[in-house]
Amino acid sequence: MPATRVMPSPGEYFPDKPLLTSAEVARLMGFRSVEALAKTRAAGRLPVRMFQIPGRRGWYAATSSVRAWVETAIAQGEVEPDAVTTEIP
């Protein structure tokens, strides 16, 4: 049986801000850890664009891009819409 990705419901957690941190992106996209997200990003397999901001540490993504990916993944049946991850490792 294929593994099911653990995803939040579309409206469950999308902060009212334009950018998401790596930890928030990892949680919303169902990664087990920020390190797993970083490996996927470094390999060029992340379906959303992440970027660095001069003078700030870490990587960021646009909230709208992550929201669009989550909604598309749910619509295509790639994830279960009611599965929610509440912990960020």
Protein backbone atom coordinates (compact mmCIF):
# COMPACT_ATOMS: atom_id res chain seq x y z
CA MET A 1 0.00 0.00 0.00
CA PRO A 2 1.45 3.45 -0.92
CA ALA A 3 2.36 5.80 1.89
CA THR A 4 -0.07 8.63 2.58
CA ARG A 5 1.42 12.08 3.00
CA VAL A 6 0.23 13.89 6.10
CA MET A 7 -1.15 17.26 5.05
CA PRO A 8 -3.17 20.01 6.70
CA SER A 9 -6.62 20.93 5.52
CA PRO A 10 -6.37 23.91 3.14
CA GLY A 11 -7.70 26.38 5.70
CA GLU A 12 -6.16 24.70 8.74
CA TYR A 13 -2.95 26.68 8.89
CA PHE A 14 -2.02 29.44 6.53
CA PRO A 15 -0.78 32.44 8.43
CA ASP A 16 -1.96 35.87 7.36
CA LYS A 17 1.48 36.92 6.15
CA PRO A 18 3.15 36.92 2.74
CA LEU A 19 6.11 34.67 3.57
CA LEU A 20 6.57 31.30 5.25
CA THR A 21 9.71 30.05 6.99
CA SER A 22 11.27 26.68 6.15
CA ALA A 23 9.70 25.18 9.26
CA GLU A 24 6.24 26.34 8.20
CA VAL A 25 6.74 25.12 4.63
CA ALA A 26 7.93 21.72 5.88
CA ARG A 27 4.85 21.36 8.09
CA LEU A 28 2.39 22.44 5.40
CA MET A 29 3.91 20.23 2.71
CA GLY A 30 4.06 17.15 4.92
CA PHE A 31 7.82 16.78 5.34
CA ARG A 32 9.01 14.91 8.41
CA SER A 33 11.60 17.60 9.18
CA VAL A 34 13.10 20.87 8.00
CA GLU A 35 16.18 18.85 7.03
CA ALA A 36 14.09 16.68 4.68
CA LEU A 37 12.70 19.84 3.10
CA ALA A 38 16.23 21.24 2.69
CA LYS A 39 17.45 18.07 0.98
CA THR A 40 14.51 18.11 -1.41
CA ARG A 41 15.08 21.81 -2.16
CA ALA A 42 18.82 21.26 -2.72
CA ALA A 43 18.06 18.40 -5.12
CA GLY A 44 15.76 20.66 -7.13
CA ARG A 45 12.67 18.52 -6.45
CA LEU A 46 10.63 21.00 -4.40
CA PRO A 47 7.43 22.02 -6.25
CA VAL A 48 7.46 25.56 -4.83
CA ARG A 49 10.13 28.23 -5.14
CA MET A 50 12.11 29.03 -2.00
CA PHE A 51 14.49 31.95 -1.66
CA GLN A 52 16.81 33.70 0.75
CA ILE A 53 16.41 37.28 1.91
CA PRO A 54 19.55 39.41 2.22
CA GLY A 55 20.34 40.13 5.85
CA ARG A 56 18.11 37.29 7.14
CA ARG A 57 18.97 33.69 7.91
CA GLY A 58 17.16 30.76 6.36
CA TRP A 59 14.96 30.07 3.37
CA TYR A 60 11.45 31.40 2.69
CA ALA A 61 8.53 30.70 0.37
CA ALA A 62 5.53 32.77 -0.65
CA THR A 63 2.44 31.76 1.29
CA SER A 64 0.39 31.93 -1.92
CA SER A 65 2.68 29.42 -3.67
CA VAL A 66 2.49 26.89 -0.86
CA ARG A 67 -1.28 27.35 -0.54
CA ALA A 68 -1.70 26.76 -4.30
CA TRP A 69 0.41 23.59 -4.12
CA VAL A 70 -1.57 22.22 -1.15
CA GLU A 71 -4.92 22.96 -2.80
CA THR A 72 -3.78 21.37 -6.10
CA ALA A 73 -2.42 18.28 -4.32
CA ILE A 74 -5.71 17.81 -2.47
CA ALA A 75 -7.77 18.35 -5.64
CA GLN A 76 -5.69 15.76 -7.52
CA GLY A 77 -6.09 13.25 -4.68
CA GLU A 78 -2.37 13.15 -3.89
CA VAL A 79 -3.00 13.85 -0.20
CA GLU A 80 -5.76 13.32 2.31
CA PRO A 81 -7.39 16.69 3.09
CA ASP A 82 -8.30 15.91 6.70
CA ALA A 83 -4.84 14.76 7.81
CA VAL A 84 -3.16 17.45 9.88
CA THR A 85 0.36 17.64 11.25
CA THR A 86 0.54 19.96 14.24
CA GLU A 87 4.12 19.45 15.37
CA ILE A 88 7.19 20.93 13.74
CA PRO A 89 10.26 18.83 14.60
